[in-house]
C-alpha atoms as a PDB file:
ATOM      1  CA  MET A   1       0.000  -0.001   0.000  1.00  0.00           C
ATOM      2  CA  ARG A   2       1.569   3.269  -1.099  1.00  0.00           C
ATOM      3  CA  VAL A   3       0.705   6.352   0.961  1.00  0.00           C
ATOM      4  CA  ALA A   4       1.579  10.021   0.657  1.00  0.00           C
ATOM      5  CA  LEU A   5       1.733  12.696   3.354  1.00  0.00           C
ATOM      6  CA  ALA A   6       1.264  16.219   1.969  1.00  0.00           C
ATOM      7  CA  GLN A   7       2.985  18.630   4.346  1.00  0.00           C
ATOM      8  CA  ILE A   8       1.584  22.005   3.315  1.00  0.00           C
ATOM      9  CA  ILE A   9       0.967  25.512   4.644  1.00  0.00           C
ATOM     10  CA  THR A  10      -2.606  26.683   4.336  1.00  0.00           C
ATOM     11  CA  THR A  11      -3.964  30.213   4.389  1.00  0.00           C
ATOM     12  CA  ALA A  12      -7.181  31.809   5.623  1.00  0.00           C
ATOM     13  CA  ASP A  13      -8.712  31.493   2.128  1.00  0.00           C
ATOM     14  CA  PRO A  14     -10.509  28.154   1.576  1.00  0.00           C
ATOM     15  CA  LEU A  15     -10.575  28.634  -2.204  1.00  0.00           C
ATOM     16  CA  ALA A  16      -6.832  29.237  -2.355  1.00  0.00           C
ATOM     17  CA  ASN A  17      -6.327  26.201  -0.167  1.00  0.00           C
ATOM     18  CA  LEU A  18      -8.277  24.069  -2.649  1.00  0.00           C
ATOM     19  CA  GLU A  19      -5.532  24.851  -5.156  1.00  0.00           C
ATOM     20  CA  ILE A  20      -2.987  23.510  -2.675  1.00  0.00           C
ATOM     21  CA  VAL A  21      -5.098  20.380  -2.226  1.00  0.00           C
ATOM     22  CA  ALA A  22      -5.324  19.912  -5.991  1.00  0.00           C
ATOM     23  CA  ASP A  23      -1.555  20.163  -6.359  1.00  0.00           C
ATOM     24  CA  SER A  24      -0.968  17.695  -3.507  1.00  0.00           C
ATOM     25  CA  VAL A  25      -3.506  15.195  -4.817  1.00  0.00           C
ATOM     26  CA  GLY A  26      -2.032  15.410  -8.320  1.00  0.00           C
ATOM     27  CA  ARG A  27       1.502  14.824  -7.058  1.00  0.00           C
ATOM     28  CA  ALA A  28       0.392  11.914  -4.863  1.00  0.00           C
ATOM     29  CA  ALA A  29      -1.474  10.299  -7.748  1.00  0.00           C
ATOM     30  CA  ALA A  30       1.548  10.723 -10.017  1.00  0.00           C
ATOM     31  CA  ALA A  31       3.631   8.944  -7.374  1.00  0.00           C
ATOM     32  CA  GLY A  32       1.207   6.015  -7.384  1.00  0.00           C
ATOM     33  CA  ALA A  33      -0.235   6.588  -3.904  1.00  0.00           C
ATOM     34  CA  GLN A  34      -3.523   4.950  -2.936  1.00  0.00           C
ATOM     35  CA  LEU A  35      -3.996   7.297   0.030  1.00  0.00           C
ATOM     36  CA  VAL A  36      -2.914  10.910   0.480  1.00  0.00           C
ATOM     37  CA  VAL A  37      -3.126  12.570   3.902  1.00  0.00           C
ATOM     38  CA  LEU A  38      -3.303  16.335   4.253  1.00  0.00           C
ATOM     39  CA  PRO A  39      -3.106  18.133   7.609  1.00  0.00           C
ATOM     40  CA  GLU A  40      -5.651  19.435  10.052  1.00  0.00           C
ATOM     41  CA  ALA A  41      -6.986  22.859   9.017  1.00  0.00           C
ATOM     42  CA  THR A  42      -6.384  22.237   5.316  1.00  0.00           C
ATOM     43  CA  MET A  43      -9.594  24.152   4.576  1.00  0.00           C
ATOM     44  CA  CYS A  44      -8.518  27.203   6.576  1.00  0.00           C
ATOM     45  CA  CYS A  45      -5.623  27.910   8.901  1.00  0.00           C
ATOM     46  CA  PHE A  46      -6.154  28.600  12.585  1.00  0.00           C
ATOM     47  CA  GLY A  47      -5.936  32.163  13.862  1.00  0.00           C
ATOM     48  CA  VAL A  48      -9.047  33.513  12.118  1.00  0.00           C
ATOM     49  CA  PRO A  49     -12.772  33.150  12.977  1.00  0.00           C
ATOM     50  CA  LEU A  50     -13.732  29.657  11.866  1.00  0.00           C
ATOM     51  CA  ARG A  51     -17.536  29.826  11.933  1.00  0.00           C
ATOM     52  CA  PRO A  52     -17.762  32.072   8.827  1.00  0.00           C
ATOM     53  CA  VAL A  53     -15.692  29.617   6.759  1.00  0.00           C
ATOM     54  CA  ALA A  54     -17.252  26.376   8.029  1.00  0.00           C
ATOM     55  CA  GLU A  55     -19.329  24.413   5.516  1.00  0.00           C
ATOM     56  CA  PRO A  56     -21.393  21.222   5.728  1.00  0.00           C
ATOM     57  CA  LEU A  57     -20.007  18.000   4.332  1.00  0.00           C
ATOM     58  CA  ASP A  58     -22.192  18.419   1.245  1.00  0.00           C
ATOM     59  CA  GLY A  59     -21.028  22.011   0.735  1.00  0.00           C
ATOM     60  CA  PRO A  60     -18.843  23.274  -2.112  1.00  0.00           C
ATOM     61  CA  TRP A  61     -15.454  22.848  -0.401  1.00  0.00           C
ATOM     62  CA  ALA A  62     -15.926  19.181   0.508  1.00  0.00           C
ATOM     63  CA  THR A  63     -17.631  18.526  -2.830  1.00  0.00           C
ATOM     64  CA  ARG A  64     -14.567  19.824  -4.662  1.00  0.00           C
ATOM     65  CA  VAL A  65     -12.278  17.579  -2.603  1.00  0.00           C
ATOM     66  CA  ARG A  66     -14.498  14.601  -3.486  1.00  0.00           C
ATOM     67  CA  GLU A  67     -14.224  15.496  -7.156  1.00  0.00           C
ATOM     68  CA  MET A  68     -10.435  15.658  -6.922  1.00  0.00           C
ATOM     69  CA  ALA A  69     -10.232  12.287  -5.187  1.00  0.00           C
ATOM     70  CA  ALA A  70     -12.533  10.663  -7.727  1.00  0.00           C
ATOM     71  CA  ALA A  71     -10.627  12.106 -10.680  1.00  0.00           C
ATOM     72  CA  ALA A  72      -7.273  11.023  -9.253  1.00  0.00           C
ATOM     73  CA  GLY A  73      -8.517   7.570  -8.237  1.00  0.00           C
ATOM     74  CA  LEU A  74      -7.165   7.682  -4.690  1.00  0.00           C
ATOM     75  CA  VAL A  75      -8.437   8.315  -1.161  1.00  0.00           C
ATOM     76  CA  VAL A  76      -7.920  11.827   0.212  1.00  0.00           C
ATOM     77  CA  VAL A  77      -7.974  12.699   3.917  1.00  0.00           C
ATOM     78  CA  ALA A  78      -8.032  16.436   4.681  1.00  0.00           C
ATOM     79  CA  GLY A  79      -8.928  18.695   7.579  1.00  0.00           C
ATOM     80  CA  MET A  80     -11.898  21.047   7.325  1.00  0.00           C
ATOM     81  CA  PHE A  81     -14.438  22.767   9.573  1.00  0.00           C
ATOM     82  CA  THR A  82     -18.145  21.965   9.647  1.00  0.00           C
ATOM     83  CA  PRO A  83     -20.883  24.019  11.372  1.00  0.00           C
ATOM     84  CA  ASP A  84     -22.185  23.179  14.847  1.00  0.00           C
ATOM     85  CA  GLY A  85     -24.400  25.961  16.169  1.00  0.00           C
ATOM     86  CA  ASP A  86     -22.238  28.891  17.243  1.00  0.00           C
ATOM     87  CA  ARG A  87     -19.158  26.667  17.095  1.00  0.00           C
ATOM     88  CA  VAL A  88     -17.679  24.371  14.473  1.00  0.00           C
ATOM     89  CA  ARG A  89     -16.488  20.779  14.312  1.00  0.00           C
ATOM     90  CA  ASN A  90     -12.826  20.119  13.551  1.00  0.00           C
ATOM     91  CA  THR A  91     -13.520  17.547  10.857  1.00  0.00           C
ATOM     92  CA  LEU A  92     -11.497  15.197   8.686  1.00  0.00           C
ATOM     93  CA  ILE A  93     -13.090  14.320   5.378  1.00  0.00           C
ATOM     94  CA  ALA A  94     -12.041  10.979   3.913  1.00  0.00           C
ATOM     95  CA  THR A  95     -13.114  10.476   0.332  1.00  0.00           C
ATOM     96  CA  GLY A  96     -12.190   8.497  -2.740  1.00  0.00           C
ATOM     97  CA  PRO A  97     -12.893   5.154  -4.403  1.00  0.00           C
ATOM     98  CA  GLY A  98     -15.289   3.292  -2.106  1.00  0.00           C
ATOM     99  CA  VAL A  99     -14.803   5.802   0.728  1.00  0.00           C
ATOM    100  CA  ASP A 100     -17.068   8.642   1.878  1.00  0.00           C
ATOM    101  CA  ALA A 101     -16.627   9.314   5.600  1.00  0.00           C
ATOM    102  CA  SER A 102     -15.798  12.018   8.125  1.00  0.00           C
ATOM    103  CA  TYR A 103     -14.313  12.192  11.609  1.00  0.00           C
ATOM    104  CA  ASP A 104     -14.887  14.960  14.155  1.00  0.00           C
ATOM    105  CA  LYS A 105     -11.933  15.554  16.470  1.00  0.00           C
ATOM    106  CA  ILE A 106     -12.700  14.055  19.876  1.00  0.00           C
ATOM    107  CA  HIS A 107      -9.992  15.576  22.074  1.00  0.00           C
ATOM    108  CA  LEU A 108      -9.937  19.365  21.894  1.00  0.00           C
ATOM    109  CA  PHE A 109      -6.743  21.303  22.526  1.00  0.00           C
ATOM    110  CA  ASP A 110      -7.514  23.102  25.771  1.00  0.00           C
ATOM    111  CA  ALA A 111      -3.864  23.252  26.793  1.00  0.00           C
ATOM    112  CA  LEU A 112      -0.725  25.389  26.741  1.00  0.00           C
ATOM    113  CA  GLY A 113      -2.715  28.631  26.768  1.00  0.00           C
ATOM    114  CA  PHE A 114      -5.040  27.697  23.893  1.00  0.00           C
ATOM    115  CA  GLN A 115      -8.731  26.845  24.263  1.00  0.00           C
ATOM    116  CA  GLU A 116     -10.004  25.052  21.190  1.00  0.00           C
ATOM    117  CA  SER A 117     -13.316  24.225  22.875  1.00  0.00           C
ATOM    118  CA  ALA A 118     -14.258  27.912  22.909  1.00  0.00           C
ATOM    119  CA  THR A 119     -14.912  27.724  19.164  1.00  0.00           C
ATOM    120  CA  VAL A 120     -14.949  23.989  18.405  1.00  0.00           C
ATOM    121  CA  ALA A 121     -17.438  21.316  19.528  1.00  0.00           C
ATOM    122  CA  PRO A 122     -15.998  17.835  20.217  1.00  0.00           C
ATOM    123  CA  GLY A 123     -16.782  14.695  18.294  1.00  0.00           C
ATOM    124  CA  ASP A 124     -17.732  11.484  20.088  1.00  0.00           C
ATOM    125  CA  ALA A 125     -17.121   8.588  17.695  1.00  0.00           C
ATOM    126  CA  CYS A 126     -14.150   6.634  16.377  1.00  0.00           C
ATOM    127  CA  VAL A 127     -14.019   6.418  12.597  1.00  0.00           C
ATOM    128  CA  ARG A 128     -12.318   3.849  10.357  1.00  0.00           C
ATOM    129  CA  VAL A 129     -12.263   3.571   6.579  1.00  0.00           C
ATOM    130  CA  GLU A 130     -11.165   0.839   4.175  1.00  0.00           C
ATOM    131  CA  VAL A 131      -8.496   1.707   1.607  1.00  0.00           C
ATOM    132  CA  ASP A 132      -7.764  -1.143  -0.798  1.00  0.00           C
ATOM    133  CA  GLY A 133      -8.600  -3.702   1.883  1.00  0.00           C
ATOM    134  CA  VAL A 134      -6.554  -1.991   4.617  1.00  0.00           C
ATOM    135  CA  THR A 135      -8.388  -0.498   7.602  1.00  0.00           C
ATOM    136  CA  VAL A 136      -7.344   3.063   8.399  1.00  0.00           C
ATOM    137  CA  GLY A 137      -8.216   4.886  11.632  1.00  0.00           C
ATOM    138  CA  LEU A 138      -8.679   8.661  11.628  1.00  0.00           C
ATOM    139  CA  THR A 139      -7.368  10.986  14.350  1.00  0.00           C
ATOM    140  CA  THR A 140      -6.525  14.675  14.627  1.00  0.00           C
ATOM    141  CA  CYS A 141      -3.629  16.478  16.320  1.00  0.00           C
ATOM    142  CA  TYR A 142      -4.237  16.514  20.121  1.00  0.00           C
ATOM    143  CA  ASP A 143      -5.789  13.038  19.814  1.00  0.00           C
ATOM    144  CA  ILE A 144      -2.218  11.742  19.576  1.00  0.00           C
ATOM    145  CA  ARG A 145      -1.806  12.281  23.323  1.00  0.00           C
ATOM    146  CA  PHE A 146      -4.565   9.760  24.137  1.00  0.00           C
ATOM    147  CA  PRO A 147      -3.434   6.115  23.758  1.00  0.00           C
ATOM    148  CA  SER A 148      -6.867   4.610  24.322  1.00  0.00           C
ATOM    149  CA  LEU A 149      -8.232   6.108  21.089  1.00  0.00           C
ATOM    150  CA  PHE A 150      -5.540   4.383  19.064  1.00  0.00           C
ATOM    151  CA  GLN A 151      -5.981   1.125  20.964  1.00  0.00           C
ATOM    152  CA  ASP A 152      -9.739   1.225  20.431  1.00  0.00           C
ATOM    153  CA  LEU A 153      -9.289   1.836  16.716  1.00  0.00           C
ATOM    154  CA  ALA A 154      -6.795  -1.031  16.485  1.00  0.00           C
ATOM    155  CA  ALA A 155      -9.067  -3.340  18.465  1.00  0.00           C
ATOM    156  CA  ASP A 156     -11.762  -2.581  15.892  1.00  0.00           C
ATOM    157  CA  GLY A 157      -9.450  -3.595  13.063  1.00  0.00           C
ATOM    158  CA  ALA A 158      -7.461  -0.504  12.137  1.00  0.00           C
ATOM    159  CA  GLU A 159      -3.963  -1.317  10.877  1.00  0.00           C
ATOM    160  CA  VAL A 160      -2.934   2.201   9.852  1.00  0.00           C
ATOM    161  CA  MET A 161      -3.526   5.333  11.945  1.00  0.00           C
ATOM    162  CA  VAL A 162      -3.762   8.764  10.353  1.00  0.00           C
ATOM    163  CA  VAL A 163      -2.872  11.761  12.528  1.00  0.00           C
ATOM    164  CA  ALA A 164      -3.658  15.010  10.718  1.00  0.00           C
ATOM    165  CA  ALA A 165      -2.240  17.942  12.664  1.00  0.00           C
ATOM    166  CA  SER A 166      -1.555  21.655  12.895  1.00  0.00           C
ATOM    167  CA  TRP A 167       1.046  21.139  15.609  1.00  0.00           C
ATOM    168  CA  GLY A 168       1.915  24.296  17.513  1.00  0.00           C
ATOM    169  CA  ALA A 169       5.523  25.318  18.010  1.00  0.00           C
ATOM    170  CA  GLY A 170       7.141  25.618  21.440  1.00  0.00           C
ATOM    171  CA  PRO A 171       9.861  24.244  23.682  1.00  0.00           C
ATOM    172  CA  GLY A 172      10.094  20.478  23.213  1.00  0.00           C
ATOM    173  CA  LYS A 173       7.096  20.312  20.877  1.00  0.00           C
ATOM    174  CA  ARG A 174       8.957  18.691  17.986  1.00  0.00           C
ATOM    175  CA  GLU A 175      10.391  16.045  20.294  1.00  0.00           C
ATOM    176  CA  GLN A 176       6.943  15.387  21.745  1.00  0.00           C
ATOM    177  CA  TRP A 177       5.405  15.075  18.273  1.00  0.00           C
ATOM    178  CA  GLU A 178       7.909  12.440  17.209  1.00  0.00           C
ATOM    179  CA  LEU A 179       7.827  10.620  20.550  1.00  0.00           C
ATOM    180  CA  LEU A 180       4.021  10.513  20.612  1.00  0.00           C
ATOM    181  CA  ALA A 181       3.785   9.207  17.041  1.00  0.00           C
ATOM    182  CA  ARG A 182       6.194   6.408  17.878  1.00  0.00           C
ATOM    183  CA  ALA A 183       4.436   5.640  21.156  1.00  0.00           C
ATOM    184  CA  ARG A 184       0.993   5.448  19.550  1.00  0.00           C
ATOM    185  CA  ALA A 185       2.380   3.041  16.934  1.00  0.00           C
ATOM    186  CA  LEU A 186       3.647   0.807  19.728  1.00  0.00           C
ATOM    187  CA  ASP A 187       0.427   1.162  21.753  1.00  0.00           C
ATOM    188  CA  SER A 188      -1.637  -0.035  18.810  1.00  0.00           C
ATOM    189  CA  THR A 189       0.959  -2.081  16.857  1.00  0.00           C
ATOM    190  CA  SER A 190      -0.112  -0.113  13.790  1.00  0.00           C
ATOM    191  CA  TYR A 191       1.483   2.111  11.214  1.00  0.00           C
ATOM    192  CA  VAL A 192       1.151   5.794  12.124  1.00  0.00           C
ATOM    193  CA  LEU A 193       0.960   8.413   9.386  1.00  0.00           C
ATOM    194  CA  ALA A 194       1.531  11.696  11.228  1.00  0.00           C
ATOM    195  CA  CYS A 195       1.022  14.576   8.802  1.00  0.00           C
ATOM    196  CA  GLY A 196       1.347  18.134  10.034  1.00  0.00           C
ATOM    197  CA  GLN A 197       1.280  21.595   8.559  1.00  0.00           C
ATOM    198  CA  ALA A 198       4.725  22.809   7.517  1.00  0.00           C
ATOM    199  CA  ASP A 199       6.492  25.560   9.471  1.00  0.00           C
ATOM    200  CA  PRO A 200       5.566  29.008   8.082  1.00  0.00           C
ATOM    201  CA  ALA A 201       9.059  30.233   8.965  1.00  0.00           C
ATOM    202  CA  SER A 202      10.471  27.752   6.457  1.00  0.00           C
ATOM    203  CA  VAL A 203       9.038  29.881   3.641  1.00  0.00           C
ATOM    204  CA  GLY A 204       9.615  33.242   5.314  1.00  0.00           C
ATOM    205  CA  ARG A 205       6.154  33.764   6.793  1.00  0.00           C
ATOM    206  CA  PRO A 206       5.762  35.186  10.293  1.00  0.00           C
ATOM    207  CA  ALA A 207       4.390  32.904  12.986  1.00  0.00           C
ATOM    208  CA  GLY A 208       1.043  33.850  14.490  1.00  0.00           C
ATOM    209  CA  THR A 209      -0.334  33.222  17.962  1.00  0.00           C
ATOM    210  CA  ALA A 210      -2.545  30.287  16.911  1.00  0.00           C
ATOM    211  CA  PRO A 211      -1.127  26.798  16.305  1.00  0.00           C
ATOM    212  CA  THR A 212       0.151  26.661  12.747  1.00  0.00           C
ATOM    213  CA  GLY A 213       2.739  23.972  12.177  1.00  0.00           C
ATOM    214  CA  ILE A 214       6.301  22.795  12.681  1.00  0.00           C
ATOM    215  CA  GLY A 215       6.505  20.278   9.837  1.00  0.00           C
ATOM    216  CA  HIS A 216       8.424  17.050  10.540  1.00  0.00           C
ATOM    217  CA  SER A 217       5.683  14.761   9.291  1.00  0.00           C
ATOM    218  CA  LEU A 218       6.634  11.130   9.701  1.00  0.00           C
ATOM    219  CA  VAL A 219       5.626   7.546   9.047  1.00  0.00           C
ATOM    220  CA  VAL A 220       6.167   5.075  11.890  1.00  0.00           C
ATOM    221  CA  SER A 221       6.227   1.273  11.748  1.00  0.00           C
ATOM    222  CA  PRO A 222       4.005  -0.957  13.937  1.00  0.00           C
ATOM    223  CA  LEU A 223       7.022  -1.491  16.206  1.00  0.00           C
ATOM    224  CA  GLY A 224       7.745   2.218  16.631  1.00  0.00           C
ATOM    225  CA  ALA A 225      10.555   2.746  14.126  1.00  0.00           C
ATOM    226  CA  VAL A 226      10.559   5.909  12.024  1.00  0.00           C
ATOM    227  CA  ILE A 227      10.395   4.744   8.412  1.00  0.00           C
ATOM    228  CA  ASP A 228      10.777   8.182   6.851  1.00  0.00           C
ATOM    229  CA  SER A 229      10.157  11.825   7.685  1.00  0.00           C
ATOM    230  CA  LEU A 230      10.248  15.377   6.374  1.00  0.00           C
ATOM    231  CA  GLY A 231      11.881  18.535   7.683  1.00  0.00           C
ATOM    232  CA  ALA A 232      10.191  21.831   8.488  1.00  0.00           C
ATOM    233  CA  ALA A 233       9.435  22.929   4.899  1.00  0.00           C
ATOM    234  CA  PRO A 234       6.529  21.902   2.675  1.00  0.00           C
ATOM    235  CA  GLY A 235       6.966  18.580   0.913  1.00  0.00           C
ATOM    236  CA  LEU A 236       5.397  15.287  -0.113  1.00  0.00           C
ATOM    237  CA  LEU A 237       6.450  12.130   1.723  1.00  0.00           C
ATOM    238  CA  VAL A 238       5.704   8.898  -0.166  1.00  0.00           C
ATOM    239  CA  VAL A 239       6.091   5.568   1.639  1.00  0.00           C
ATOM    240  CA  ASP A 240       5.185   1.948   0.858  1.00  0.00           C
ATOM    241  CA  LEU A 241       3.498   0.115   3.733  1.00  0.00           C
ATOM    242  CA  ASP A 242       3.395  -3.674   4.150  1.00  0.00           C
ATOM    243  CA  PRO A 243       0.106  -4.673   5.828  1.00  0.00           C
ATOM    244  CA  ALA A 244       1.638  -8.047   6.711  1.00  0.00           C
ATOM    245  CA  ALA A 245       4.017  -6.210   9.052  1.00  0.00           C
ATOM    246  CA  VAL A 246       1.054  -5.317  11.254  1.00  0.00           C
ATOM    247  CA  ALA A 247       0.056  -8.955  11.707  1.00  0.00           C
ATOM    248  CA  THR A 248       3.679  -9.887  12.424  1.00  0.00           C
ATOM    249  CA  ALA A 249       4.002  -7.137  15.025  1.00  0.00           C
ATOM    250  CA  ARG A 250       0.731  -8.093  16.717  1.00  0.00           C
ATOM    251  CA  GLN A 251       1.787 -11.706  16.941  1.00  0.00           C
ATOM    252  CA  ALA A 252       5.166 -10.809  18.441  1.00  0.00           C
ATOM    253  CA  LEU A 253       3.839  -8.047  20.712  1.00  0.00           C
ATOM    254  CA  PRO A 254       0.174  -8.810  21.507  1.00  0.00           C
ATOM    255  CA  VAL A 255      -0.557  -5.679  23.527  1.00  0.00           C
ATOM    256  CA  LEU A 256      -4.086  -5.467  22.125  1.00  0.00           C
ATOM    257  CA  VAL A 257      -4.868  -8.964  23.380  1.00  0.00           C
ATOM    258  CA  ASN A 258      -3.072  -8.558  26.692  1.00  0.00           C
ATOM    259  CA  ARG A 259      -4.411  -5.116  27.671  1.00  0.00           C
ATOM    260  CA  ARG A 260      -6.931  -4.725  30.474  1.00  0.00           C
ATOM    261  CA  ASP A 261      -9.078  -1.611  30.504  1.00  0.00           C
ATOM    262  CA  ARG A 262      -9.011  -1.339  34.278  1.00  0.00           C
ATOM    263  CA  ALA A 263      -6.555  -2.533  36.878  1.00  0.00           C
ATOM    264  CA  PRO A 264      -8.051  -5.133  39.218  1.00  0.00           C
ATOM    265  CA  PRO A 265      -8.699  -4.170  42.875  1.00  0.00           C
ATOM    266  CA  SER A 266      -5.665  -4.637  45.110  1.00  0.00           C
ATOM    267  CA  GLY A 267      -7.642  -6.534  47.752  1.00  0.00           C
ATOM    268  CA  ARG A 268      -6.147  -4.312  50.422  1.00  0.00           C
ATOM    269  CA  PRO A 269      -8.381  -2.122  52.590  1.00  0.00           C
ATOM    270  CA  GLY A 270      -8.582   1.500  51.539  1.00  0.00           C
END
């Protein structure tokens, strides 16, 4: 299974960002990818009011992404925003041959001085899609800090985990991003495709106060090894995955079988 991670920098203009999506999808298709992952906030970057740009899943922005995926003959995963009352949902659209699904980010980034829940409503359901017979779980950015989501997806059959992110910069954030991607691969004995927005500084753009991106997208093996990665600048990472490696890893390291959701009582008085 050939996958592509499109590490891009989006703007506040959804129409302009569709041109970036089209370029990424075209390059991924030319490389022979069956799945191309674009980051969180592909529709519109953070740092601007999101409710005015949010559209339903049958709106023009998502419809255009569906058309691109169909024309290219591959599955596209991209971050967008959908309406939810006065707030929005931080949504991943997954679309392409045999696939028409969406995932609303469950864990909202109310951390490190940022309050995503002020403008974004949380999702409440795990989502998996099938890409050429391989089950792919969908997650977004801050979700990567929650092992149980990845374990639940794997227990339900996911072999590949997508993490679409707009990872904010800060002390130790790059190290955490890489460490968390590797840890979630080990937690779930699955491939992890961690695709983030590129660093605006890499193309001479000033950094804003909202989370934008640091780049360093990476693909991790089911046993936690980094297969390949990008730097800070925009780029397309193309990697071949071997689904059989997931079964081998799960046989050697059966954490999904051995895990217990709750520790048993100690038997000692409280």
